[in-house]
N, C-alpha and C. Protein backbone atom coordinates (compact mmCIF):
# COMPACT_ATOMS: atom_id res chain seq x y z
N MET A 1 0.98 -1.15 -0.15
CA MET A 1 -0.09 0.27 -0.08
C MET A 1 0.90 1.03 -0.11
N THR A 2 0.63 2.29 -0.74
CA THR A 2 0.70 3.45 -0.90
C THR A 2 0.83 4.29 0.30
N SER A 3 2.08 4.68 0.88
CA SER A 3 1.94 5.55 2.31
C SER A 3 1.68 6.99 1.56
N ILE A 4 1.13 8.00 2.48
CA ILE A 4 0.71 9.27 2.31
C ILE A 4 1.40 9.87 1.59
N PRO A 5 3.00 9.91 3.21
CA PRO A 5 4.18 10.84 2.29
C PRO A 5 4.57 10.33 1.10
N THR A 6 4.58 8.99 0.50
CA THR A 6 5.32 8.83 -0.33
C THR A 6 4.10 9.14 -1.63
N HIS A 7 2.79 9.13 -1.72
CA HIS A 7 1.89 9.68 -2.54
C HIS A 7 2.32 11.01 -2.41
N LEU A 8 2.54 11.91 -1.64
CA LEU A 8 2.31 13.61 -1.42
C LEU A 8 3.59 13.90 -2.39
N VAL A 9 4.92 13.40 -2.11
CA VAL A 9 6.28 13.65 -2.71
C VAL A 9 6.26 13.17 -4.00
N GLU A 10 5.60 12.23 -4.13
CA GLU A 10 5.54 11.55 -6.04
C GLU A 10 4.59 12.66 -6.48
N ARG A 11 3.41 13.21 -6.00
CA ARG A 11 2.79 14.30 -6.57
C ARG A 11 3.64 15.51 -6.57
N PHE A 12 3.80 15.71 -5.73
CA PHE A 12 5.10 17.13 -5.27
C PHE A 12 6.20 17.26 -6.71
N TYR A 13 6.59 15.81 -6.90
CA TYR A 13 7.87 16.34 -7.96
C TYR A 13 7.25 15.90 -9.34
N HIS A 14 6.26 14.91 -9.67
CA HIS A 14 5.74 14.53 -10.85
C HIS A 14 4.73 15.68 -11.33
N GLU A 15 3.97 15.95 -10.53
CA GLU A 15 2.93 17.02 -10.91
C GLU A 15 3.11 18.60 -10.84
N VAL A 16 3.84 18.72 -9.80
CA VAL A 16 3.98 19.91 -9.20
C VAL A 16 4.66 20.58 -10.12
N TRP A 17 6.27 20.06 -9.76
CA TRP A 17 7.39 20.62 -10.58
C TRP A 17 7.33 20.00 -12.04
N ASN A 18 7.66 18.83 -12.29
CA ASN A 18 7.86 18.57 -13.68
C ASN A 18 6.69 18.88 -14.29
N GLN A 19 5.35 19.22 -14.05
CA GLN A 19 4.22 19.76 -14.82
C GLN A 19 4.10 21.13 -14.61
N ALA A 20 4.58 21.81 -13.82
CA ALA A 20 4.03 23.00 -13.26
C ALA A 20 2.91 23.39 -12.95
N ASP A 21 2.27 22.33 -12.10
CA ASP A 21 0.88 22.34 -11.83
C ASP A 21 0.85 23.21 -10.51
N GLU A 22 0.05 24.34 -10.76
CA GLU A 22 -0.19 25.29 -9.53
C GLU A 22 -1.61 24.79 -8.72
N ALA A 23 -2.44 24.49 -9.60
CA ALA A 23 -3.34 23.92 -8.80
C ALA A 23 -3.13 22.88 -7.95
N VAL A 24 -2.66 21.80 -8.47
CA VAL A 24 -1.82 20.67 -7.43
C VAL A 24 -1.04 21.14 -6.37
N ALA A 25 -0.41 22.13 -6.60
CA ALA A 25 0.68 22.76 -5.52
C ALA A 25 -0.84 23.19 -4.51
N ARG A 26 -1.38 23.81 -4.71
CA ARG A 26 -2.34 24.40 -3.92
C ARG A 26 -3.19 23.50 -3.10
N GLU A 27 -3.19 22.45 -3.55
CA GLU A 27 -4.06 21.21 -3.16
C GLU A 27 -3.13 20.38 -2.16
N ILE A 28 -2.05 20.47 -2.40
CA ILE A 28 -1.11 19.16 -1.73
C ILE A 28 -0.11 19.90 -0.80
N LEU A 29 0.23 21.41 -0.65
CA LEU A 29 0.88 21.95 0.29
C LEU A 29 -0.15 22.69 1.28
N HIS A 30 0.18 22.52 2.53
CA HIS A 30 -0.18 23.14 3.38
C HIS A 30 -0.69 24.54 3.68
N PRO A 31 -1.72 25.41 3.95
CA PRO A 31 -1.39 26.95 3.78
C PRO A 31 -0.32 27.54 4.44
N ASP A 32 0.02 26.63 5.64
CA ASP A 32 1.40 27.49 6.16
C ASP A 32 2.58 26.37 6.02
N PHE A 33 2.78 26.08 4.87
CA PHE A 33 4.09 25.59 4.33
C PHE A 33 5.06 26.44 4.33
N ARG A 34 6.36 25.71 4.91
CA ARG A 34 7.56 26.51 4.85
C ARG A 34 8.27 25.71 3.89
N PHE A 35 9.49 26.46 3.02
CA PHE A 35 9.60 25.76 1.84
C PHE A 35 11.37 26.59 2.13
N ARG A 36 12.28 25.79 2.13
CA ARG A 36 13.67 26.38 2.26
C ARG A 36 14.70 25.34 1.24
N ALA A 37 15.07 26.14 0.17
CA ALA A 37 16.25 25.39 -1.09
C ALA A 37 17.34 26.05 -0.85
N SER A 38 18.03 25.35 -1.63
CA SER A 38 19.38 25.96 -1.74
C SER A 38 19.29 27.12 -3.34
N LEU A 39 18.32 27.06 -3.98
CA LEU A 39 18.91 27.99 -4.89
C LEU A 39 18.05 29.60 -4.43
N GLY A 40 17.52 29.60 -3.39
CA GLY A 40 17.00 30.74 -3.08
C GLY A 40 16.61 30.83 -1.55
N PRO A 41 15.71 32.08 -1.22
CA PRO A 41 15.19 32.63 -0.02
C PRO A 41 14.28 31.43 0.55
N ALA A 42 13.78 31.31 1.55
CA ALA A 42 12.97 30.64 2.68
C ALA A 42 11.38 31.45 1.54
N ARG A 43 10.50 30.09 1.56
CA ARG A 43 8.99 30.91 1.19
C ARG A 43 7.94 30.51 2.24
N LEU A 44 6.76 30.94 2.41
CA LEU A 44 5.93 30.38 3.15
C LEU A 44 4.56 30.43 2.43
N GLY A 45 4.00 29.50 2.23
CA GLY A 45 2.85 29.35 1.77
C GLY A 45 2.93 28.93 0.63
N PRO A 46 1.49 28.01 0.02
CA PRO A 46 1.88 27.79 -1.43
C PRO A 46 2.37 28.68 -2.19
N GLU A 47 1.58 30.17 -1.60
CA GLU A 47 1.98 31.24 -3.20
C GLU A 47 3.24 31.37 -3.29
N GLY A 48 3.78 31.47 -1.98
CA GLY A 48 5.60 31.71 -1.84
C GLY A 48 6.29 30.69 -2.60
N PHE A 49 5.85 29.20 -2.31
CA PHE A 49 6.58 28.16 -3.19
C PHE A 49 5.91 28.61 -4.77
N ILE A 50 4.98 28.85 -5.25
CA ILE A 50 4.82 28.92 -6.66
C ILE A 50 5.58 29.80 -7.47
N ALA A 51 5.81 31.24 -6.76
CA ALA A 51 6.85 32.17 -6.94
C ALA A 51 8.08 31.78 -7.41
N TYR A 52 8.61 31.00 -6.43
CA TYR A 52 9.63 30.45 -6.33
C TYR A 52 10.04 29.47 -7.77
N MET A 53 8.73 28.29 -7.77
CA MET A 53 8.69 27.39 -8.82
C MET A 53 8.63 28.41 -10.11
N ARG A 54 7.68 29.49 -10.39
CA ARG A 54 7.94 30.08 -11.99
C ARG A 54 9.15 30.58 -12.11
N SER A 55 9.99 30.75 -10.96
CA SER A 55 11.21 31.71 -11.28
C SER A 55 12.56 30.59 -11.70
N VAL A 56 12.15 29.28 -11.24
CA VAL A 56 13.14 28.30 -11.63
C VAL A 56 13.14 27.80 -12.97
N HIS A 57 11.42 27.80 -13.21
CA HIS A 57 11.12 27.34 -14.64
C HIS A 57 11.40 28.31 -15.45
N ALA A 58 11.26 29.55 -15.18
CA ALA A 58 11.77 30.51 -16.40
C ALA A 58 13.44 30.58 -16.49
N ALA A 59 13.96 30.28 -15.58
CA ALA A 59 15.58 30.57 -15.55
C ALA A 59 16.16 28.96 -16.67
N LEU A 60 15.44 27.92 -16.25
CA LEU A 60 15.83 26.35 -16.63
C LEU A 60 14.67 25.58 -17.55
N ALA A 61 14.44 25.95 -18.98
CA ALA A 61 13.30 25.39 -19.83
C ALA A 61 13.55 23.71 -19.53
N ASP A 62 12.29 23.18 -19.58
CA ASP A 62 12.32 21.71 -19.35
C ASP A 62 12.77 21.05 -18.12
N TYR A 63 12.65 22.18 -17.35
CA TYR A 63 12.98 21.81 -15.95
C TYR A 63 12.44 20.30 -15.07
N ARG A 64 13.00 19.33 -14.82
CA ARG A 64 12.64 18.30 -14.35
C ARG A 64 12.99 17.85 -13.30
N CYS A 65 12.44 17.20 -11.77
CA CYS A 65 12.93 16.33 -10.84
C CYS A 65 12.63 14.92 -11.04
N GLU A 66 13.94 14.29 -10.54
CA GLU A 66 13.70 12.95 -10.86
C GLU A 66 14.46 12.21 -9.59
N ILE A 67 13.28 11.62 -8.78
CA ILE A 67 13.38 10.79 -7.54
C ILE A 67 14.20 9.66 -8.06
N GLN A 68 15.32 9.49 -7.10
CA GLN A 68 16.21 8.54 -7.16
C GLN A 68 16.30 7.54 -6.31
N GLU A 69 15.58 7.94 -5.06
CA GLU A 69 15.41 7.15 -3.82
C GLU A 69 14.50 7.77 -2.93
N LEU A 70 13.42 6.95 -2.43
CA LEU A 70 12.76 7.55 -1.64
C LEU A 70 12.47 7.14 -0.16
N LEU A 71 12.58 7.41 1.14
CA LEU A 71 12.29 6.46 2.12
C LEU A 71 11.07 7.49 2.83
N THR A 72 10.39 6.89 3.56
CA THR A 72 9.15 7.53 4.06
C THR A 72 9.39 7.00 5.55
N THR A 73 8.76 7.90 6.43
CA THR A 73 7.90 7.49 7.73
C THR A 73 6.55 7.96 7.86
N GLU A 74 6.00 7.87 8.98
CA GLU A 74 4.47 8.24 9.03
C GLU A 74 4.06 9.36 9.00
N ARG A 75 5.41 10.48 9.18
CA ARG A 75 4.79 11.75 8.71
C ARG A 75 6.05 12.70 8.05
N GLY A 76 6.83 12.16 7.32
CA GLY A 76 7.49 12.51 6.41
C GLY A 76 8.44 11.79 5.45
N ALA A 77 9.21 12.35 4.68
CA ALA A 77 10.06 11.42 3.74
C ALA A 77 11.62 12.27 3.47
N ALA A 78 12.54 11.50 3.18
CA ALA A 78 13.60 12.03 2.50
C ALA A 78 13.79 11.36 1.13
N ALA A 79 14.16 12.07 0.02
CA ALA A 79 14.18 11.90 -1.09
C ALA A 79 15.92 12.28 -1.99
N LYS A 80 16.41 11.12 -2.52
CA LYS A 80 17.85 11.61 -3.11
C LYS A 80 17.01 11.93 -4.45
N MET A 81 17.63 13.05 -4.91
CA MET A 81 17.19 13.83 -6.45
C MET A 81 18.54 14.18 -7.47
N ARG A 82 17.63 14.10 -8.52
CA ARG A 82 18.30 14.37 -9.49
C ARG A 82 17.45 15.68 -10.36
N PHE A 83 18.07 16.85 -10.63
CA PHE A 83 17.66 18.28 -11.39
C PHE A 83 18.02 18.27 -12.48
N VAL A 84 17.36 18.67 -13.44
CA VAL A 84 17.85 18.90 -14.65
C VAL A 84 16.92 20.33 -15.57
N GLY A 85 17.59 20.75 -16.30
CA GLY A 85 17.04 21.63 -17.09
C GLY A 85 17.82 22.45 -17.80
N ARG A 86 17.17 23.45 -18.96
CA ARG A 86 17.94 23.89 -19.90
C ARG A 86 18.11 25.21 -19.80
N HIS A 87 19.41 25.83 -19.35
CA HIS A 87 19.56 27.22 -19.11
C HIS A 87 19.04 27.94 -20.32
N GLN A 88 17.90 28.92 -20.10
CA GLN A 88 17.58 29.80 -20.95
C GLN A 88 17.39 31.40 -20.44
N ALA A 89 17.60 31.41 -19.57
CA ALA A 89 17.34 32.80 -18.96
C ALA A 89 18.49 33.12 -17.59
N PRO A 90 18.76 34.41 -17.45
CA PRO A 90 19.80 34.66 -16.26
C PRO A 90 19.71 33.92 -15.09
N PHE A 91 20.72 33.16 -14.56
CA PHE A 91 20.70 31.96 -13.51
C PHE A 91 22.10 32.20 -12.86
N PHE A 92 22.17 32.53 -11.53
CA PHE A 92 23.26 32.77 -10.85
C PHE A 92 24.27 33.40 -11.72
N GLY A 93 23.61 35.11 -11.72
CA GLY A 93 24.50 35.92 -12.81
C GLY A 93 24.76 35.50 -14.08
N VAL A 94 24.59 34.48 -14.61
CA VAL A 94 25.19 34.19 -16.10
C VAL A 94 24.24 34.27 -17.12
N GLU A 95 23.89 34.75 -17.90
CA GLU A 95 22.94 34.75 -18.84
C GLU A 95 22.70 33.65 -19.37
N ALA A 96 22.03 33.37 -20.34
CA ALA A 96 21.34 32.02 -20.70
C ALA A 96 22.44 31.69 -21.95
N THR A 97 22.80 30.14 -21.61
CA THR A 97 23.83 29.69 -22.72
C THR A 97 23.32 28.70 -23.36
N GLY A 98 22.10 28.23 -22.98
CA GLY A 98 21.25 27.40 -23.69
C GLY A 98 21.52 25.67 -23.63
N GLN A 99 22.56 25.80 -22.51
CA GLN A 99 23.29 24.06 -22.10
C GLN A 99 22.20 23.53 -21.38
N GLU A 100 22.23 22.13 -21.25
CA GLU A 100 21.46 21.23 -20.30
C GLU A 100 22.39 21.30 -19.11
N ILE A 101 21.83 21.53 -17.77
CA ILE A 101 22.55 21.33 -16.78
C ILE A 101 22.00 20.44 -15.74
N GLU A 102 22.64 20.06 -14.80
CA GLU A 102 22.01 18.81 -13.82
C GLU A 102 22.98 18.84 -12.74
N TRP A 103 22.12 18.56 -11.63
CA TRP A 103 23.00 18.52 -10.37
C TRP A 103 21.90 17.54 -9.56
N ALA A 104 22.64 17.02 -8.39
CA ALA A 104 22.24 16.26 -7.14
C ALA A 104 21.36 16.96 -6.16
N GLY A 105 21.01 16.37 -5.32
CA GLY A 105 20.72 17.05 -3.88
C GLY A 105 19.80 16.04 -3.15
N ALA A 106 18.85 16.33 -1.92
CA ALA A 106 18.19 15.83 -1.17
C ALA A 106 16.98 16.49 -0.69
N ALA A 107 16.05 16.05 -0.43
CA ALA A 107 14.66 16.58 -0.16
C ALA A 107 14.81 15.91 1.42
N PHE A 108 13.78 17.04 2.20
CA PHE A 108 13.51 16.27 3.30
C PHE A 108 12.03 17.13 3.84
N PHE A 109 11.13 16.10 3.75
CA PHE A 109 9.58 16.62 3.99
C PHE A 109 9.14 16.02 4.94
N LYS A 110 8.19 17.30 5.69
CA LYS A 110 7.16 16.80 6.79
C LYS A 110 6.01 17.07 6.22
N THR A 111 4.85 16.34 6.80
CA THR A 111 3.46 15.99 6.39
C THR A 111 2.55 16.41 7.43
N ASP A 112 1.28 16.52 7.31
CA ASP A 112 0.52 16.26 8.54
C ASP A 112 -0.45 15.21 8.25
N GLY A 113 0.10 14.47 7.43
CA GLY A 113 -0.56 13.17 7.03
C GLY A 113 -1.93 13.39 6.11
N ALA A 114 -2.01 14.67 5.84
CA ALA A 114 -2.91 14.75 4.66
C ALA A 114 -2.15 16.03 3.65
N ARG A 115 -1.22 16.76 4.04
CA ARG A 115 -0.67 17.78 3.20
C ARG A 115 0.72 17.91 3.59
N ILE A 116 1.34 18.55 2.67
CA ILE A 116 3.03 18.91 2.78
C ILE A 116 2.97 20.14 3.81
N THR A 117 4.02 19.88 5.00
CA THR A 117 3.98 21.09 5.53
C THR A 117 5.07 21.57 5.51
N GLU A 118 6.02 21.36 5.20
CA GLU A 118 7.61 21.41 5.51
C GLU A 118 8.58 20.57 4.49
N LEU A 119 9.22 21.69 3.61
CA LEU A 119 10.42 20.74 2.55
C LEU A 119 11.44 21.95 2.83
N TRP A 120 12.84 21.11 3.04
CA TRP A 120 14.10 21.72 3.16
C TRP A 120 14.74 21.20 1.89
N VAL A 121 15.11 21.53 0.84
CA VAL A 121 16.07 20.87 -0.33
C VAL A 121 17.53 21.28 -0.29
N LEU A 122 18.15 20.46 -0.48
CA LEU A 122 19.72 20.62 -0.42
C LEU A 122 20.55 20.31 -1.90
N GLY A 123 20.87 21.46 -2.63
CA GLY A 123 21.03 20.85 -3.82
C GLY A 123 22.85 21.31 -4.11
N ASP A 124 23.37 20.86 -4.79
CA ASP A 124 24.49 20.83 -5.36
C ASP A 124 24.92 21.83 -5.95
N ILE A 125 25.09 23.11 -5.44
CA ILE A 125 24.79 24.24 -5.99
C ILE A 125 26.50 24.41 -6.55
N ASP A 126 27.46 24.17 -6.10
CA ASP A 126 28.71 24.42 -6.71
C ASP A 126 28.61 23.50 -8.41
N ALA A 127 27.97 22.57 -8.27
CA ALA A 127 27.93 21.98 -9.37
C ALA A 127 27.26 23.00 -10.75
N VAL A 128 26.02 23.46 -10.36
CA VAL A 128 25.62 24.58 -11.01
C VAL A 128 26.23 25.50 -11.76
N LYS A 129 27.00 25.94 -10.72
CA LYS A 129 27.93 27.01 -10.89
C LYS A 129 28.69 26.82 -11.84
N ARG A 130 29.34 25.53 -11.59
CA ARG A 130 30.62 25.03 -12.64
C ARG A 130 30.00 25.25 -14.01
N GLN A 131 29.15 24.44 -14.23
CA GLN A 131 28.15 24.09 -15.51
C GLN A 131 28.24 25.32 -16.11
N LEU A 132 27.98 26.41 -15.53
CA LEU A 132 27.16 27.62 -15.90
C LEU A 132 28.66 28.43 -16.22
N GLY A 133 29.80 28.61 -15.38
CA GLY A 133 30.78 28.94 -15.29
C GLY A 133 30.67 30.39 -14.43
N ALA A 134 29.74 30.21 -13.58
CA ALA A 134 29.50 31.39 -13.00
C ALA A 134 30.59 31.43 -11.64
N ALA A 135 30.65 32.70 -11.05
CA ALA A 135 31.74 32.92 -10.05
C ALA A 135 31.20 32.10 -9.09
N MET A 136 31.89 31.84 -8.25
CA MET A 136 31.51 30.86 -6.72
C MET A 136 30.90 31.83 -5.52
N GLU A 137 30.91 33.14 -5.78
CA GLU A 137 30.22 33.61 -4.75
C GLU A 137 29.12 34.17 -5.16
N GLN A 138 28.71 33.91 -6.21
CA GLN A 138 27.63 34.80 -6.77
C GLN A 138 26.05 33.81 -6.58
N GLY A 139 25.04 34.60 -5.80
CA GLY A 139 23.89 33.77 -5.40
C GLY A 139 23.04 34.08 -6.27
N PHE A 140 21.83 33.18 -6.31
CA PHE A 140 20.62 32.98 -7.17
C PHE A 140 19.54 33.71 -6.06
N GLU A 141 19.05 34.80 -7.20
CA GLU A 141 17.98 35.44 -6.48
C GLU A 141 16.68 35.52 -7.31
N SER A 142 15.76 34.98 -6.91
CA SER A 142 14.20 34.53 -7.56
C SER A 142 13.38 35.47 -7.13
N ASP A 143 13.64 36.72 -6.98
CA ASP A 143 12.05 37.56 -6.69
C ASP A 143 12.11 38.44 -8.12
């Protein structure tokens, strides 16, 4: 039987991130959702996350998240991830190169049994910067 965290995490990546489905984001993210990622500032609520998601999709065409491994508990999950996209707009201070970039990461979810309440994503930002030729001290702002 599929556990609730497994189903939520799979929907989050397959429908929300990979299809940029904002309606599903509003459905599965708790109103007080807390999001922290390596690519930008902390975000609150579904709308805060959606703004972040839009900025990443604007910078990276065909952006997709691939779950490589998923471990779940009753109220949370951890996922080993692969992120891929084609650089089509300024990202880490680098103008569009058109090249596909990829990096590894890990995501840590908390749920309330029905919706995702918190997510912390750690990505290999140095790998992103190396592929783009960005200065290592340059940050990504998604506002």
